[in-house]
Amino acid sequence: MDDQLLTITEVAALLRVPVATLRYWRHLGAGPRGFRLGRRVVYRHSDVTDWINLQHERDARGESA
């Protein structure tokens, strides 16, 4: 399941943020790592999970994202 590909809509729902926020994070290079597959941007489930864990670790250490 970790290698499952997710659409931007699915990742936005998982993170509970608007799709526009996810697009903005992608523009800044601040969100989970995504890549183009044809004309669509997709995300590996494992990359999203890794990004969530990194945010949790940074918060626990008192670092800003």
PDB file of N, CA and C in Angstrom:
ATOM      1  N   MET A   1       0.819  -1.206   0.000  1.00  0.00           N
ATOM      2  CA  MET A   1       0.000   0.000   0.000  1.00  0.00           C
ATOM      3  C   MET A   1       0.857   1.262   0.000  1.00  0.00           C
ATOM      4  N   ASP A   2       2.070   1.212   0.541  1.00  0.00           N
ATOM      5  CA  ASP A   2       2.894   2.416   0.613  1.00  0.00           C
ATOM      6  C   ASP A   2       3.275   2.973  -0.747  1.00  0.00           C
ATOM      7  N   ASP A   3       3.303   2.134  -1.781  1.00  0.00           N
ATOM      8  CA  ASP A   3       3.653   2.616  -3.104  1.00  0.00           C
ATOM      9  C   ASP A   3       2.430   3.010  -3.924  1.00  0.00           C
ATOM     10  N   GLN A   4       1.283   3.035  -3.296  1.00  0.00           N
ATOM     11  CA  GLN A   4       0.059   3.436  -3.986  1.00  0.00           C
ATOM     12  C   GLN A   4       0.189   4.891  -4.422  1.00  0.00           C
ATOM     13  N   LEU A   5      -0.246   5.183  -5.639  1.00  0.00           N
ATOM     14  CA  LEU A   5      -0.215   6.558  -6.137  1.00  0.00           C
ATOM     15  C   LEU A   5      -1.517   7.262  -5.773  1.00  0.00           C
ATOM     16  N   LEU A   6      -1.382   8.472  -5.284  1.00  0.00           N
ATOM     17  CA  LEU A   6      -2.527   9.281  -4.877  1.00  0.00           C
ATOM     18  C   LEU A   6      -2.612  10.530  -5.738  1.00  0.00           C
ATOM     19  N   THR A   7      -3.821  10.955  -6.025  1.00  0.00           N
ATOM     20  CA  THR A   7      -4.027  12.202  -6.762  1.00  0.00           C
ATOM     21  C   THR A   7      -3.889  13.372  -5.793  1.00  0.00           C
ATOM     22  N   ILE A   8      -3.791  14.565  -6.352  1.00  0.00           N
ATOM     23  CA  ILE A   8      -3.689  15.760  -5.515  1.00  0.00           C
ATOM     24  C   ILE A   8      -4.949  15.923  -4.654  1.00  0.00           C
ATOM     25  N   THR A   9      -6.099  15.542  -5.193  1.00  0.00           N
ATOM     26  CA  THR A   9      -7.352  15.622  -4.442  1.00  0.00           C
ATOM     27  C   THR A   9      -7.338  14.654  -3.260  1.00  0.00           C
ATOM     28  N   GLU A  10      -6.828  13.456  -3.487  1.00  0.00           N
ATOM     29  CA  GLU A  10      -6.757  12.461  -2.414  1.00  0.00           C
ATOM     30  C   GLU A  10      -5.785  12.888  -1.313  1.00  0.00           C
ATOM     31  N   VAL A  11      -4.651  13.461  -1.710  1.00  0.00           N
ATOM     32  CA  VAL A  11      -3.683  13.918  -0.711  1.00  0.00           C
ATOM     33  C   VAL A  11      -4.252  15.098   0.072  1.00  0.00           C
ATOM     34  N   ALA A  12      -4.914  16.011  -0.604  1.00  0.00           N
ATOM     35  CA  ALA A  12      -5.527  17.153   0.081  1.00  0.00           C
ATOM     36  C   ALA A  12      -6.552  16.665   1.100  1.00  0.00           C
ATOM     37  N   ALA A  13      -7.342  15.673   0.733  1.00  0.00           N
ATOM     38  CA  ALA A  13      -8.331  15.126   1.668  1.00  0.00           C
ATOM     39  C   ALA A  13      -7.637  14.444   2.843  1.00  0.00           C
ATOM     40  N   LEU A  14      -6.572  13.703   2.571  1.00  0.00           N
ATOM     41  CA  LEU A  14      -5.827  13.023   3.626  1.00  0.00           C
ATOM     42  C   LEU A  14      -5.227  14.015   4.611  1.00  0.00           C
ATOM     43  N   LEU A  15      -4.694  15.124   4.100  1.00  0.00           N
ATOM     44  CA  LEU A  15      -4.073  16.141   4.956  1.00  0.00           C
ATOM     45  C   LEU A  15      -5.074  17.159   5.494  1.00  0.00           C
ATOM     46  N   ARG A  16      -6.291  17.075   4.981  1.00  0.00           N
ATOM     47  CA  ARG A  16      -7.364  17.999   5.373  1.00  0.00           C
ATOM     48  C   ARG A  16      -6.998  19.454   5.103  1.00  0.00           C
ATOM     49  N   VAL A  17      -6.480  19.673   3.896  1.00  0.00           N
ATOM     50  CA  VAL A  17      -6.168  21.024   3.424  1.00  0.00           C
ATOM     51  C   VAL A  17      -6.812  21.193   2.053  1.00  0.00           C
ATOM     52  N   PRO A  18      -7.066  22.431   1.644  1.00  0.00           N
ATOM     53  CA  PRO A  18      -7.606  22.642   0.303  1.00  0.00           C
ATOM     54  C   PRO A  18      -6.587  22.229  -0.770  1.00  0.00           C
ATOM     55  N   VAL A  19      -7.076  21.831  -1.916  1.00  0.00           N
ATOM     56  CA  VAL A  19      -6.208  21.474  -3.031  1.00  0.00           C
ATOM     57  C   VAL A  19      -5.296  22.657  -3.376  1.00  0.00           C
ATOM     58  N   ALA A  20      -5.820  23.863  -3.299  1.00  0.00           N
ATOM     59  CA  ALA A  20      -5.025  25.055  -3.607  1.00  0.00           C
ATOM     60  C   ALA A  20      -3.821  25.178  -2.675  1.00  0.00           C
ATOM     61  N   THR A  21      -3.988  24.822  -1.419  1.00  0.00           N
ATOM     62  CA  THR A  21      -2.876  24.857  -0.469  1.00  0.00           C
ATOM     63  C   THR A  21      -1.811  23.856  -0.861  1.00  0.00           C
ATOM     64  N   LEU A  22      -2.230  22.674  -1.236  1.00  0.00           N
ATOM     65  CA  LEU A  22      -1.285  21.646  -1.667  1.00  0.00           C
ATOM     66  C   LEU A  22      -0.540  22.099  -2.919  1.00  0.00           C
ATOM     67  N   ARG A  23      -1.224  22.729  -3.846  1.00  0.00           N
ATOM     68  CA  ARG A  23      -0.561  23.257  -5.052  1.00  0.00           C
ATOM     69  C   ARG A  23       0.448  24.341  -4.675  1.00  0.00           C
ATOM     70  N   TYR A  24       0.089  25.204  -3.744  1.00  0.00           N
ATOM     71  CA  TYR A  24       0.992  26.268  -3.300  1.00  0.00           C
ATOM     72  C   TYR A  24       2.225  25.671  -2.627  1.00  0.00           C
ATOM     73  N   TRP A  25       2.018  24.691  -1.756  1.00  0.00           N
ATOM     74  CA  TRP A  25       3.154  24.020  -1.115  1.00  0.00           C
ATOM     75  C   TRP A  25       4.064  23.405  -2.165  1.00  0.00           C
ATOM     76  N   ARG A  26       3.478  22.810  -3.194  1.00  0.00           N
ATOM     77  CA  ARG A  26       4.278  22.201  -4.260  1.00  0.00           C
ATOM     78  C   ARG A  26       5.102  23.270  -4.967  1.00  0.00           C
ATOM     79  N   HIS A  27       4.498  24.426  -5.210  1.00  0.00           N
ATOM     80  CA  HIS A  27       5.195  25.547  -5.843  1.00  0.00           C
ATOM     81  C   HIS A  27       6.380  25.994  -4.982  1.00  0.00           C
ATOM     82  N   LEU A  28       6.193  26.024  -3.671  1.00  0.00           N
ATOM     83  CA  LEU A  28       7.260  26.442  -2.744  1.00  0.00           C
ATOM     84  C   LEU A  28       8.269  25.330  -2.469  1.00  0.00           C
ATOM     85  N   GLY A  29       7.905  24.103  -2.804  1.00  0.00           N
ATOM     86  CA  GLY A  29       8.755  22.956  -2.466  1.00  0.00           C
ATOM     87  C   GLY A  29       8.655  22.600  -0.995  1.00  0.00           C
ATOM     88  N   ALA A  30       7.535  22.938  -0.376  1.00  0.00           N
ATOM     89  CA  ALA A  30       7.386  22.768   1.068  1.00  0.00           C
ATOM     90  C   ALA A  30       6.508  21.583   1.463  1.00  0.00           C
ATOM     91  N   GLY A  31       5.749  21.052   0.567  1.00  0.00           N
ATOM     92  CA  GLY A  31       4.824  19.977   0.900  1.00  0.00           C
ATOM     93  C   GLY A  31       5.400  18.609   0.596  1.00  0.00           C
ATOM     94  N   PRO A  32       4.551  17.603   0.622  1.00  0.00           N
ATOM     95  CA  PRO A  32       5.008  16.262   0.277  1.00  0.00           C
ATOM     96  C   PRO A  32       5.503  16.208  -1.174  1.00  0.00           C
ATOM     97  N   ARG A  33       6.447  15.344  -1.430  1.00  0.00           N
ATOM     98  CA  ARG A  33       7.030  15.243  -2.765  1.00  0.00           C
ATOM     99  C   ARG A  33       6.039  14.592  -3.726  1.00  0.00           C
ATOM    100  N   GLY A  34       5.770  15.290  -4.810  1.00  0.00           N
ATOM    101  CA  GLY A  34       4.911  14.765  -5.854  1.00  0.00           C
ATOM    102  C   GLY A  34       5.669  14.775  -7.166  1.00  0.00           C
ATOM    103  N   PHE A  35       5.098  14.164  -8.178  1.00  0.00           N
ATOM    104  CA  PHE A  35       5.751  14.159  -9.482  1.00  0.00           C
ATOM    105  C   PHE A  35       4.700  14.067 -10.573  1.00  0.00           C
ATOM    106  N   ARG A  36       5.109  14.486 -11.758  1.00  0.00           N
ATOM    107  CA  ARG A  36       4.207  14.443 -12.896  1.00  0.00           C
ATOM    108  C   ARG A  36       4.209  13.046 -13.495  1.00  0.00           C
ATOM    109  N   LEU A  37       3.029  12.569 -13.753  1.00  0.00           N
ATOM    110  CA  LEU A  37       2.832  11.313 -14.464  1.00  0.00           C
ATOM    111  C   LEU A  37       1.932  11.666 -15.634  1.00  0.00           C
ATOM    112  N   GLY A  38       2.550  11.895 -16.772  1.00  0.00           N
ATOM    113  CA  GLY A  38       1.801  12.453 -17.893  1.00  0.00           C
ATOM    114  C   GLY A  38       1.490  13.905 -17.590  1.00  0.00           C
ATOM    115  N   ARG A  39       0.224  14.229 -17.605  1.00  0.00           N
ATOM    116  CA  ARG A  39      -0.199  15.610 -17.334  1.00  0.00           C
ATOM    117  C   ARG A  39      -0.645  15.814 -15.888  1.00  0.00           C
ATOM    118  N   ARG A  40      -0.671  14.738 -15.125  1.00  0.00           N
ATOM    119  CA  ARG A  40      -1.183  14.814 -13.749  1.00  0.00           C
ATOM    120  C   ARG A  40      -0.051  14.790 -12.732  1.00  0.00           C
ATOM    121  N   VAL A  41      -0.281  15.444 -11.623  1.00  0.00           N
ATOM    122  CA  VAL A  41       0.639  15.361 -10.485  1.00  0.00           C
ATOM    123  C   VAL A  41       0.113  14.272  -9.568  1.00  0.00           C
ATOM    124  N   VAL A  42       0.982  13.355  -9.202  1.00  0.00           N
ATOM    125  CA  VAL A  42       0.613  12.274  -8.291  1.00  0.00           C
ATOM    126  C   VAL A  42       1.629  12.221  -7.156  1.00  0.00           C
ATOM    127  N   TYR A  43       1.238  11.554  -6.099  1.00  0.00           N
ATOM    128  CA  TYR A  43       2.059  11.433  -4.896  1.00  0.00           C
ATOM    129  C   TYR A  43       2.108   9.966  -4.501  1.00  0.00           C
ATOM    130  N   ARG A  44       3.284   9.491  -4.104  1.00  0.00           N
ATOM    131  CA  ARG A  44       3.378   8.151  -3.538  1.00  0.00           C
ATOM    132  C   ARG A  44       2.905   8.229  -2.096  1.00  0.00           C
ATOM    133  N   HIS A  45       2.114   7.265  -1.705  1.00  0.00           N
ATOM    134  CA  HIS A  45       1.592   7.230  -0.336  1.00  0.00           C
ATOM    135  C   HIS A  45       2.742   7.278   0.669  1.00  0.00           C
ATOM    136  N   SER A  46       3.825   6.559   0.389  1.00  0.00           N
ATOM    137  CA  SER A  46       4.971   6.529   1.305  1.00  0.00           C
ATOM    138  C   SER A  46       5.624   7.909   1.425  1.00  0.00           C
ATOM    139  N   ASP A  47       5.668   8.700   0.335  1.00  0.00           N
ATOM    140  CA  ASP A  47       6.233  10.049   0.402  1.00  0.00           C
ATOM    141  C   ASP A  47       5.375  10.965   1.271  1.00  0.00           C
ATOM    142  N   VAL A  48       4.058  10.815   1.156  1.00  0.00           N
ATOM    143  CA  VAL A  48       3.151  11.621   1.983  1.00  0.00           C
ATOM    144  C   VAL A  48       3.317  11.246   3.455  1.00  0.00           C
ATOM    145  N   THR A  49       3.384   9.956   3.732  1.00  0.00           N
ATOM    146  CA  THR A  49       3.570   9.484   5.109  1.00  0.00           C
ATOM    147  C   THR A  49       4.897   9.971   5.668  1.00  0.00           C
ATOM    148  N   ASP A  50       5.961   9.893   4.873  1.00  0.00           N
ATOM    149  CA  ASP A  50       7.273  10.383   5.319  1.00  0.00           C
ATOM    150  C   ASP A  50       7.221  11.867   5.636  1.00  0.00           C
ATOM    151  N   TRP A  51       6.536  12.645   4.801  1.00  0.00           N
ATOM    152  CA  TRP A  51       6.424  14.086   5.016  1.00  0.00           C
ATOM    153  C   TRP A  51       5.649  14.385   6.307  1.00  0.00           C
ATOM    154  N   ILE A  52       4.573  13.645   6.541  1.00  0.00           N
ATOM    155  CA  ILE A  52       3.802  13.823   7.775  1.00  0.00           C
ATOM    156  C   ILE A  52       4.685  13.524   8.984  1.00  0.00           C
ATOM    157  N   ASN A  53       5.444  12.436   8.928  1.00  0.00           N
ATOM    158  CA  ASN A  53       6.331  12.078  10.045  1.00  0.00           C
ATOM    159  C   ASN A  53       7.395  13.136  10.269  1.00  0.00           C
ATOM    160  N   LEU A  54       7.940  13.711   9.199  1.00  0.00           N
ATOM    161  CA  LEU A  54       8.929  14.777   9.330  1.00  0.00           C
ATOM    162  C   LEU A  54       8.323  15.999  10.010  1.00  0.00           C
ATOM    163  N   GLN A  55       7.091  16.345   9.639  1.00  0.00           N
ATOM    164  CA  GLN A  55       6.432  17.489  10.272  1.00  0.00           C
ATOM    165  C   GLN A  55       6.240  17.230  11.764  1.00  0.00           C
ATOM    166  N   HIS A  56       5.882  16.001  12.102  1.00  0.00           N
ATOM    167  CA  HIS A  56       5.689  15.634  13.501  1.00  0.00           C
ATOM    168  C   HIS A  56       7.000  15.740  14.272  1.00  0.00           C
ATOM    169  N   GLU A  57       8.086  15.245  13.693  1.00  0.00           N
ATOM    170  CA  GLU A  57       9.397  15.310  14.351  1.00  0.00           C
ATOM    171  C   GLU A  57       9.842  16.748  14.546  1.00  0.00           C
ATOM    172  N   ARG A  58       9.656  17.582  13.520  1.00  0.00           N
ATOM    173  CA  ARG A  58      10.034  18.999  13.635  1.00  0.00           C
ATOM    174  C   ARG A  58       9.231  19.691  14.726  1.00  0.00           C
ATOM    175  N   ASP A  59       7.945  19.404  14.790  1.00  0.00           N
ATOM    176  CA  ASP A  59       7.096  20.014  15.818  1.00  0.00           C
ATOM    177  C   ASP A  59       7.542  19.579  17.203  1.00  0.00           C
ATOM    178  N   ALA A  60       7.878  18.301  17.346  1.00  0.00           N
ATOM    179  CA  ALA A  60       8.314  17.779  18.652  1.00  0.00           C
ATOM    180  C   ALA A  60       9.613  18.439  19.100  1.00  0.00           C
ATOM    181  N   ARG A  61      10.471  18.817  18.137  1.00  0.00           N
ATOM    182  CA  ARG A  61      11.731  19.481  18.471  1.00  0.00           C
ATOM    183  C   ARG A  61      11.582  20.986  18.568  1.00  0.00           C
ATOM    184  N   GLY A  62      10.395  21.492  18.270  1.00  0.00           N
ATOM    185  CA  GLY A  62      10.144  22.925  18.346  1.00  0.00           C
ATOM    186  C   GLY A  62      10.638  23.694  17.142  1.00  0.00           C
ATOM    187  N   GLU A  63      10.915  23.009  16.034  1.00  0.00           N
ATOM    188  CA  GLU A  63      11.341  23.669  14.813  1.00  0.00           C
ATOM    189  C   GLU A  63      10.140  24.124  14.008  1.00  0.00           C
ATOM    190  N   SER A  64      10.341  25.167  13.231  1.00  0.00           N
ATOM    191  CA  SER A  64       9.252  25.586  12.345  1.00  0.00           C
ATOM    192  C   SER A  64       9.370  24.817  11.040  1.00  0.00           C
ATOM    193  N   ALA A  65       8.213  24.608  10.412  1.00  0.00           N
ATOM    194  CA  ALA A  65       8.181  23.871   9.142  1.00  0.00           C
ATOM    195  C   ALA A  65       8.718  24.740   8.075  1.00  0.00           C
TER     196      ALA A  65
END
